């Protein structure tokens, strides 16, 4: 009755439930797990607890980009003519728009161009054209901090 009231599961080791308790558990929809090997029980409970925890993420900075010029292109939107200061830029990565030391937007890199070619990444010291997914109020001198979120497994 306690397990059904609190939506819990019943864990048993080297025991068998009596017929009345088993019938009540089935009727109330209570999950009963019975084990003969203690390590199986421990492993299953550990994996269930890890699954219930929210995953932890860490920010991994990929690079910094300076906007040198902006272009409005029909059917595309605002393209930022940019120079990669440090690291690299990757298409699809997260991007923070920093103006005068203040973060004004957080967006995703929608497209990345090098000359006329669409590329997956551009390295430090090269120029590129960047289009952001949603944000379009980009000005010359803005800095893009490109990063990705990495899940930490413990």
N, C-alpha and C. Protein backbone atom coordinates (compact mmCIF):
# COMPACT_ATOMS: atom_id res chain seq x y z
N UNK A 1 0.83 -1.20 0.00
CA UNK A 1 0.00 0.00 0.00
C UNK A 1 0.88 1.26 0.00
N UNK A 2 2.00 1.23 0.71
CA UNK A 2 2.90 2.39 0.71
C UNK A 2 3.51 2.61 -0.68
N UNK A 3 3.88 1.53 -1.35
CA UNK A 3 4.49 1.66 -2.68
C UNK A 3 3.50 2.24 -3.67
N UNK A 4 2.24 1.86 -3.61
CA UNK A 4 1.26 2.42 -4.55
C UNK A 4 0.96 3.87 -4.23
N UNK A 5 0.99 4.25 -2.96
CA UNK A 5 0.71 5.63 -2.58
C UNK A 5 1.84 6.57 -3.01
N UNK A 6 3.07 6.07 -3.00
CA UNK A 6 4.21 6.94 -3.31
C UNK A 6 4.83 6.66 -4.68
N UNK A 7 4.14 5.89 -5.52
CA UNK A 7 4.64 5.54 -6.85
C UNK A 7 6.05 4.95 -6.79
N UNK A 8 6.29 4.07 -5.86
CA UNK A 8 7.61 3.46 -5.67
C UNK A 8 7.63 2.06 -6.28
N UNK A 9 8.82 1.49 -6.33
CA UNK A 9 8.95 0.09 -6.74
C UNK A 9 9.37 -0.71 -5.51
N UNK A 10 9.06 -1.99 -5.52
CA UNK A 10 9.43 -2.87 -4.41
C UNK A 10 10.60 -3.72 -4.90
N UNK A 11 11.68 -3.70 -4.12
CA UNK A 11 12.88 -4.46 -4.46
C UNK A 11 13.03 -5.55 -3.40
N UNK A 12 13.20 -6.79 -3.88
CA UNK A 12 13.39 -7.91 -2.96
C UNK A 12 14.63 -8.70 -3.32
N UNK A 13 15.34 -9.16 -2.29
CA UNK A 13 16.55 -9.95 -2.50
C UNK A 13 16.41 -11.27 -1.74
N UNK A 14 16.44 -12.36 -2.50
CA UNK A 14 16.32 -13.71 -1.95
C UNK A 14 15.02 -13.92 -1.18
N UNK A 15 13.95 -13.32 -1.62
CA UNK A 15 12.63 -13.51 -0.99
C UNK A 15 11.59 -13.70 -2.09
N UNK A 16 10.45 -14.26 -1.71
CA UNK A 16 9.31 -14.40 -2.61
C UNK A 16 8.11 -13.76 -1.92
N UNK A 17 7.31 -12.97 -2.64
CA UNK A 17 6.13 -12.36 -2.02
C UNK A 17 5.02 -13.40 -1.82
N UNK A 18 4.21 -13.20 -0.80
CA UNK A 18 3.08 -14.12 -0.64
C UNK A 18 2.01 -13.75 -1.67
N UNK A 19 1.07 -14.63 -1.85
CA UNK A 19 0.09 -14.48 -2.95
C UNK A 19 -0.78 -13.23 -2.79
N UNK A 20 -1.13 -12.86 -1.57
CA UNK A 20 -1.98 -11.68 -1.34
C UNK A 20 -1.21 -10.40 -1.71
N UNK A 21 0.06 -10.31 -1.30
CA UNK A 21 0.86 -9.13 -1.61
C UNK A 21 1.10 -9.02 -3.12
N UNK A 22 1.33 -10.15 -3.76
CA UNK A 22 1.56 -10.15 -5.20
C UNK A 22 0.30 -9.71 -5.96
N UNK A 23 -0.84 -10.19 -5.51
CA UNK A 23 -2.11 -9.82 -6.13
C UNK A 23 -2.39 -8.33 -5.93
N UNK A 24 -2.15 -7.79 -4.74
CA UNK A 24 -2.35 -6.36 -4.47
C UNK A 24 -1.42 -5.50 -5.33
N UNK A 25 -0.17 -5.94 -5.51
CA UNK A 25 0.78 -5.18 -6.31
C UNK A 25 0.34 -5.14 -7.77
N UNK A 26 -0.14 -6.27 -8.29
CA UNK A 26 -0.62 -6.30 -9.67
C UNK A 26 -1.83 -5.40 -9.85
N UNK A 27 -2.74 -5.46 -8.90
CA UNK A 27 -3.97 -4.67 -8.98
C UNK A 27 -3.67 -3.17 -8.93
N UNK A 28 -2.71 -2.76 -8.06
CA UNK A 28 -2.39 -1.34 -7.91
C UNK A 28 -1.34 -0.84 -8.91
N UNK A 29 -0.79 -1.76 -9.71
CA UNK A 29 0.21 -1.36 -10.70
C UNK A 29 1.57 -1.07 -10.10
N UNK A 30 1.91 -1.73 -9.01
CA UNK A 30 3.21 -1.53 -8.37
C UNK A 30 4.22 -2.50 -8.98
N UNK A 31 5.38 -1.97 -9.33
CA UNK A 31 6.44 -2.76 -9.93
C UNK A 31 7.21 -3.49 -8.82
N UNK A 32 7.28 -4.82 -8.93
CA UNK A 32 8.03 -5.62 -7.96
C UNK A 32 9.24 -6.22 -8.67
N UNK A 33 10.42 -5.98 -8.13
CA UNK A 33 11.65 -6.53 -8.70
C UNK A 33 12.29 -7.44 -7.68
N UNK A 34 12.47 -8.69 -8.08
CA UNK A 34 13.03 -9.69 -7.17
C UNK A 34 14.35 -10.19 -7.73
N UNK A 35 15.34 -10.26 -6.87
CA UNK A 35 16.69 -10.64 -7.31
C UNK A 35 17.22 -11.78 -6.47
N UNK A 36 18.07 -12.59 -7.11
CA UNK A 36 18.78 -13.64 -6.39
C UNK A 36 20.26 -13.28 -6.27
N UNK A 37 20.72 -12.36 -7.12
CA UNK A 37 22.12 -11.92 -7.08
C UNK A 37 22.14 -10.45 -6.71
N UNK A 38 22.81 -10.11 -5.61
CA UNK A 38 22.78 -8.75 -5.07
C UNK A 38 23.39 -7.74 -6.05
N UNK A 39 24.41 -8.16 -6.82
CA UNK A 39 25.06 -7.22 -7.74
C UNK A 39 24.11 -6.80 -8.87
N UNK A 40 23.23 -7.69 -9.30
CA UNK A 40 22.23 -7.31 -10.31
C UNK A 40 21.31 -6.23 -9.77
N UNK A 41 20.92 -6.38 -8.54
CA UNK A 41 20.04 -5.41 -7.88
C UNK A 41 20.74 -4.04 -7.79
N UNK A 42 21.99 -4.05 -7.32
CA UNK A 42 22.73 -2.80 -7.14
C UNK A 42 22.93 -2.10 -8.49
N UNK A 43 23.33 -2.86 -9.52
CA UNK A 43 23.56 -2.26 -10.84
C UNK A 43 22.29 -1.65 -11.42
N UNK A 44 21.17 -2.35 -11.28
CA UNK A 44 19.92 -1.84 -11.84
C UNK A 44 19.46 -0.58 -11.11
N UNK A 45 19.61 -0.54 -9.81
CA UNK A 45 19.20 0.64 -9.05
C UNK A 45 20.13 1.82 -9.36
N UNK A 46 21.45 1.57 -9.49
CA UNK A 46 22.38 2.64 -9.86
C UNK A 46 22.04 3.22 -11.23
N UNK A 47 21.76 2.35 -12.21
CA UNK A 47 21.45 2.85 -13.54
C UNK A 47 20.12 3.61 -13.55
N UNK A 48 19.16 3.18 -12.73
CA UNK A 48 17.89 3.90 -12.65
C UNK A 48 18.10 5.28 -12.02
N UNK A 49 18.95 5.35 -11.00
CA UNK A 49 19.21 6.64 -10.35
C UNK A 49 19.95 7.59 -11.30
N UNK A 50 20.91 7.08 -12.06
CA UNK A 50 21.64 7.92 -13.01
C UNK A 50 20.70 8.42 -14.11
N UNK A 51 19.77 7.59 -14.50
CA UNK A 51 18.80 8.00 -15.51
C UNK A 51 17.86 9.08 -15.02
N UNK A 52 17.62 9.12 -13.72
CA UNK A 52 16.73 10.12 -13.14
C UNK A 52 17.43 11.46 -12.96
N UNK A 53 18.76 11.46 -12.87
CA UNK A 53 19.49 12.71 -12.68
C UNK A 53 19.54 13.48 -14.00
N UNK A 54 19.49 14.79 -13.90
CA UNK A 54 19.62 15.62 -15.09
C UNK A 54 21.07 15.60 -15.54
N UNK A 55 21.31 15.48 -16.84
CA UNK A 55 22.70 15.46 -17.30
C UNK A 55 23.38 16.81 -17.07
N UNK A 56 24.69 16.76 -16.82
CA UNK A 56 25.45 17.99 -16.59
C UNK A 56 26.18 18.34 -17.88
N UNK A 57 26.25 19.64 -18.16
CA UNK A 57 26.88 20.12 -19.38
C UNK A 57 28.01 21.07 -19.04
N UNK A 58 29.00 21.11 -19.93
CA UNK A 58 30.13 22.03 -19.79
C UNK A 58 30.26 22.78 -21.11
N UNK A 59 30.57 24.07 -21.01
CA UNK A 59 30.73 24.90 -22.20
C UNK A 59 32.16 24.74 -22.71
N UNK A 60 32.30 24.44 -23.99
CA UNK A 60 33.60 24.27 -24.61
C UNK A 60 33.78 25.37 -25.66
N UNK A 61 34.64 26.36 -25.38
CA UNK A 61 34.84 27.48 -26.29
C UNK A 61 35.63 27.00 -27.51
N UNK A 62 35.07 27.25 -28.70
CA UNK A 62 35.73 26.85 -29.94
C UNK A 62 36.58 27.97 -30.53
N UNK A 63 36.10 29.20 -30.47
CA UNK A 63 36.87 30.30 -31.04
C UNK A 63 36.16 31.63 -30.91
N UNK A 64 36.89 32.71 -31.32
CA UNK A 64 36.34 34.06 -31.32
C UNK A 64 36.46 34.63 -32.72
N UNK A 65 35.42 35.35 -33.12
CA UNK A 65 35.34 35.91 -34.47
C UNK A 65 34.99 37.39 -34.35
N UNK A 66 35.63 38.22 -35.18
CA UNK A 66 35.32 39.64 -35.22
C UNK A 66 34.55 39.94 -36.50
N UNK A 67 33.44 40.67 -36.37
CA UNK A 67 32.65 41.06 -37.54
C UNK A 67 33.31 42.30 -38.15
N UNK A 68 33.71 42.19 -39.41
CA UNK A 68 34.39 43.30 -40.08
C UNK A 68 33.45 44.09 -40.99
N UNK A 69 32.44 43.40 -41.54
CA UNK A 69 31.50 44.07 -42.43
C UNK A 69 30.20 43.26 -42.46
N UNK A 70 29.09 43.93 -42.71
CA UNK A 70 27.82 43.22 -42.83
C UNK A 70 27.22 43.46 -44.21
N UNK A 71 26.53 42.44 -44.72
CA UNK A 71 25.91 42.49 -46.04
C UNK A 71 24.47 42.02 -45.92
N UNK A 72 23.57 42.73 -46.62
CA UNK A 72 22.19 42.24 -46.71
C UNK A 72 22.04 41.58 -48.06
N UNK A 73 21.72 40.30 -48.04
CA UNK A 73 21.54 39.55 -49.29
C UNK A 73 20.10 39.07 -49.34
N UNK A 74 19.43 39.31 -50.45
CA UNK A 74 18.04 38.89 -50.58
C UNK A 74 17.95 37.37 -50.54
N UNK A 75 16.89 36.88 -49.95
CA UNK A 75 16.61 35.45 -49.75
C UNK A 75 17.57 34.78 -48.78
N UNK A 76 18.55 35.48 -48.25
CA UNK A 76 19.48 34.91 -47.28
C UNK A 76 19.37 35.63 -45.95
N UNK A 77 19.38 36.97 -46.00
CA UNK A 77 19.32 37.76 -44.78
C UNK A 77 20.62 38.51 -44.58
N UNK A 78 20.97 38.76 -43.33
CA UNK A 78 22.16 39.51 -43.00
C UNK A 78 23.35 38.56 -42.86
N UNK A 79 24.39 38.82 -43.65
CA UNK A 79 25.61 38.01 -43.62
C UNK A 79 26.71 38.85 -42.99
N UNK A 80 27.43 38.26 -42.04
CA UNK A 80 28.52 38.95 -41.38
C UNK A 80 29.84 38.55 -42.02
N UNK A 81 30.51 39.52 -42.64
CA UNK A 81 31.85 39.28 -43.15
C UNK A 81 32.79 39.32 -41.96
N UNK A 82 33.38 38.19 -41.61
CA UNK A 82 34.08 38.07 -40.34
C UNK A 82 35.50 37.54 -40.50
N UNK A 83 36.30 37.75 -39.44
CA UNK A 83 37.67 37.27 -39.38
C UNK A 83 37.82 36.45 -38.11
N UNK A 84 38.35 35.23 -38.23
CA UNK A 84 38.50 34.34 -37.08
C UNK A 84 39.75 34.76 -36.31
N UNK A 85 39.55 35.27 -35.08
CA UNK A 85 40.66 35.74 -34.26
C UNK A 85 41.40 34.59 -33.58
N UNK A 86 40.65 33.70 -32.93
CA UNK A 86 41.26 32.56 -32.24
C UNK A 86 40.41 31.32 -32.47
N UNK A 87 41.05 30.16 -32.42
CA UNK A 87 40.33 28.89 -32.52
C UNK A 87 39.76 28.66 -33.90
N UNK A 88 38.52 28.21 -33.93
CA UNK A 88 37.85 27.93 -35.20
C UNK A 88 36.37 28.18 -35.06
N UNK A 89 35.69 28.29 -36.20
CA UNK A 89 34.24 28.46 -36.25
C UNK A 89 33.66 27.21 -36.90
N UNK A 90 32.60 26.67 -36.32
CA UNK A 90 31.97 25.46 -36.84
C UNK A 90 30.51 25.75 -37.14
N UNK A 91 30.06 25.33 -38.32
CA UNK A 91 28.64 25.50 -38.67
C UNK A 91 27.78 24.69 -37.71
N UNK A 92 26.70 25.26 -37.24
CA UNK A 92 25.79 24.57 -36.32
C UNK A 92 26.15 24.76 -34.86
N UNK A 93 27.29 25.40 -34.57
CA UNK A 93 27.71 25.61 -33.18
C UNK A 93 26.92 26.76 -32.57
N UNK A 94 26.93 26.84 -31.25
CA UNK A 94 26.30 27.95 -30.54
C UNK A 94 27.19 29.18 -30.69
N UNK A 95 26.58 30.37 -30.63
CA UNK A 95 27.33 31.60 -30.84
C UNK A 95 26.76 32.71 -29.96
N UNK A 96 27.63 33.39 -29.22
CA UNK A 96 27.24 34.55 -28.42
C UNK A 96 27.67 35.80 -29.16
N UNK A 97 26.79 36.76 -29.28
CA UNK A 97 27.13 38.04 -29.90
C UNK A 97 27.49 39.01 -28.77
N UNK A 98 28.74 39.50 -28.78
CA UNK A 98 29.23 40.40 -27.73
C UNK A 98 29.51 41.77 -28.37
N UNK A 99 28.87 42.79 -27.80
CA UNK A 99 29.07 44.16 -28.27
C UNK A 99 29.48 45.01 -27.08
N UNK A 100 30.64 45.64 -27.17
CA UNK A 100 31.19 46.48 -26.10
C UNK A 100 31.28 45.73 -24.77
N UNK A 101 31.65 44.45 -24.83
CA UNK A 101 31.82 43.65 -23.62
C UNK A 101 30.54 43.13 -23.02
N UNK A 102 29.40 43.35 -23.67
CA UNK A 102 28.11 42.90 -23.15
C UNK A 102 27.52 41.88 -24.11
N UNK A 103 27.05 40.76 -23.57
CA UNK A 103 26.40 39.74 -24.40
C UNK A 103 25.01 40.25 -24.76
N UNK A 104 24.78 40.39 -26.06
CA UNK A 104 23.47 40.91 -26.48
C UNK A 104 22.59 39.85 -27.12
N UNK A 105 23.18 38.71 -27.50
CA UNK A 105 22.38 37.64 -28.10
C UNK A 105 23.11 36.31 -27.96
N UNK A 106 22.33 35.24 -28.01
CA UNK A 106 22.86 33.88 -28.00
C UNK A 106 22.09 33.13 -29.08
N UNK A 107 22.81 32.64 -30.08
CA UNK A 107 22.16 32.07 -31.25
C UNK A 107 22.97 30.89 -31.78
N UNK A 108 22.55 30.35 -32.90
CA UNK A 108 23.23 29.24 -33.56
C UNK A 108 23.71 29.70 -34.92
N UNK A 109 24.88 29.22 -35.33
CA UNK A 109 25.41 29.56 -36.65
C UNK A 109 24.65 28.74 -37.69
N UNK A 110 23.89 29.43 -38.54
CA UNK A 110 23.06 28.75 -39.53
C UNK A 110 23.87 28.36 -40.76
N UNK A 111 24.70 29.28 -41.26
CA UNK A 111 25.52 28.95 -42.43
C UNK A 111 26.89 29.58 -42.28
N UNK A 112 27.86 28.95 -42.93
CA UNK A 112 29.25 29.38 -42.87
C UNK A 112 29.82 29.29 -44.28
N UNK A 113 30.30 30.42 -44.78
CA UNK A 113 30.80 30.48 -46.16
C UNK A 113 32.26 30.89 -46.16
N UNK A 114 33.00 30.31 -47.06
CA UNK A 114 34.39 30.73 -47.32
C UNK A 114 34.45 30.99 -48.82
N UNK A 115 34.61 32.27 -49.21
CA UNK A 115 34.44 32.72 -50.60
C UNK A 115 33.04 32.32 -51.05
N UNK A 116 32.88 31.53 -52.08
CA UNK A 116 31.54 31.15 -52.55
C UNK A 116 31.12 29.78 -52.05
N UNK A 117 32.00 29.10 -51.31
CA UNK A 117 31.73 27.72 -50.89
C UNK A 117 31.16 27.67 -49.48
N UNK A 118 30.19 26.79 -49.30
CA UNK A 118 29.67 26.52 -47.97
C UNK A 118 30.60 25.51 -47.30
N UNK A 119 31.09 25.85 -46.10
CA UNK A 119 32.07 24.99 -45.42
C UNK A 119 31.57 24.61 -44.04
N UNK A 120 32.17 23.54 -43.48
CA UNK A 120 31.78 23.10 -42.13
C UNK A 120 32.50 23.87 -41.05
N UNK A 121 33.77 24.25 -41.31
CA UNK A 121 34.51 25.01 -40.31
C UNK A 121 35.55 25.89 -40.98
N UNK A 122 35.91 26.97 -40.26
CA UNK A 122 36.94 27.90 -40.73
C UNK A 122 37.92 28.08 -39.57
N UNK A 123 39.22 27.98 -39.88
CA UNK A 123 40.27 28.04 -38.85
C UNK A 123 40.70 29.48 -38.57
N UNK A 124 41.53 29.63 -37.54
CA UNK A 124 42.06 30.92 -37.12
C UNK A 124 42.87 31.57 -38.24
N UNK A 125 42.70 32.89 -38.38
CA UNK A 125 43.45 33.64 -39.37
C UNK A 125 42.79 33.74 -40.74
N UNK A 126 41.62 33.15 -40.91
CA UNK A 126 40.92 33.19 -42.18
C UNK A 126 39.65 34.02 -42.07
N UNK A 127 39.17 34.49 -43.22
CA UNK A 127 37.93 35.25 -43.27
C UNK A 127 36.78 34.34 -43.70
N UNK A 128 35.57 34.70 -43.30
CA UNK A 128 34.41 33.89 -43.64
C UNK A 128 33.15 34.74 -43.57
N UNK A 129 32.08 34.19 -44.10
CA UNK A 129 30.77 34.81 -44.00
C UNK A 129 29.90 33.96 -43.09
N UNK A 130 29.27 34.61 -42.10
CA UNK A 130 28.47 33.88 -41.11
C UNK A 130 27.05 34.42 -41.12
N UNK A 131 26.09 33.51 -41.14
CA UNK A 131 24.69 33.86 -40.98
C UNK A 131 24.19 33.18 -39.71
N UNK A 132 23.55 33.96 -38.84
CA UNK A 132 22.99 33.39 -37.61
C UNK A 132 21.56 32.94 -37.85
N UNK A 133 21.10 32.05 -37.00
CA UNK A 133 19.78 31.44 -37.16
C UNK A 133 18.65 32.46 -36.98
N UNK A 134 18.64 33.19 -35.85
CA UNK A 134 17.53 34.09 -35.55
C UNK A 134 17.93 35.55 -35.46
N UNK A 135 19.05 35.82 -34.81
CA UNK A 135 19.44 37.21 -34.51
C UNK A 135 20.01 37.88 -35.75
N UNK A 136 19.58 39.13 -36.03
CA UNK A 136 20.04 39.80 -37.24
C UNK A 136 20.48 41.24 -37.01
N UNK A 137 20.54 41.71 -35.78
CA UNK A 137 20.97 43.08 -35.51
C UNK A 137 22.48 43.10 -35.24
N UNK A 138 23.26 42.73 -36.25
CA UNK A 138 24.70 42.61 -36.11
C UNK A 138 25.35 43.87 -36.67
N UNK A 139 26.36 44.37 -35.95
CA UNK A 139 27.06 45.58 -36.38
C UNK A 139 28.55 45.28 -36.52
N UNK A 140 29.25 46.11 -37.28
CA UNK A 140 30.68 45.96 -37.43
C UNK A 140 31.35 46.14 -36.07
N UNK A 141 32.34 45.30 -35.78
CA UNK A 141 33.03 45.38 -34.49
C UNK A 141 32.49 44.41 -33.46
N UNK A 142 31.35 43.78 -33.74
CA UNK A 142 30.82 42.77 -32.81
C UNK A 142 31.76 41.58 -32.77
N UNK A 143 31.77 40.90 -31.64
CA UNK A 143 32.57 39.69 -31.47
C UNK A 143 31.63 38.51 -31.30
N UNK A 144 31.88 37.45 -32.05
CA UNK A 144 31.13 36.20 -31.89
C UNK A 144 31.98 35.26 -31.07
N UNK A 145 31.46 34.79 -29.95
CA UNK A 145 32.11 33.73 -29.17
C UNK A 145 31.43 32.42 -29.56
N UNK A 146 32.16 31.56 -30.25
CA UNK A 146 31.61 30.31 -30.74
C UNK A 146 31.92 29.22 -29.72
N UNK A 147 30.88 28.46 -29.32
CA UNK A 147 31.07 27.42 -28.31
C UNK A 147 30.13 26.26 -28.58
N UNK A 148 30.40 25.16 -27.90
CA UNK A 148 29.50 24.01 -27.94
C UNK A 148 29.29 23.52 -26.53
N UNK A 149 28.14 22.94 -26.29
CA UNK A 149 27.83 22.39 -24.98
C UNK A 149 28.17 20.90 -25.00
N UNK A 150 29.02 20.47 -24.06
CA UNK A 150 29.48 19.10 -24.00
C UNK A 150 28.91 18.46 -22.74
N UNK A 151 28.30 17.29 -22.91
CA UNK A 151 27.71 16.59 -21.77
C UNK A 151 28.81 15.88 -20.97
N UNK A 152 28.78 16.10 -19.66
CA UNK A 152 29.77 15.48 -18.77
C UNK A 152 29.19 14.18 -18.27
N UNK A 153 29.93 13.10 -18.47
CA UNK A 153 29.50 11.81 -17.93
C UNK A 153 30.33 11.52 -16.69
N UNK A 154 29.64 11.14 -15.65
CA UNK A 154 30.34 10.88 -14.38
C UNK A 154 30.38 9.41 -14.08
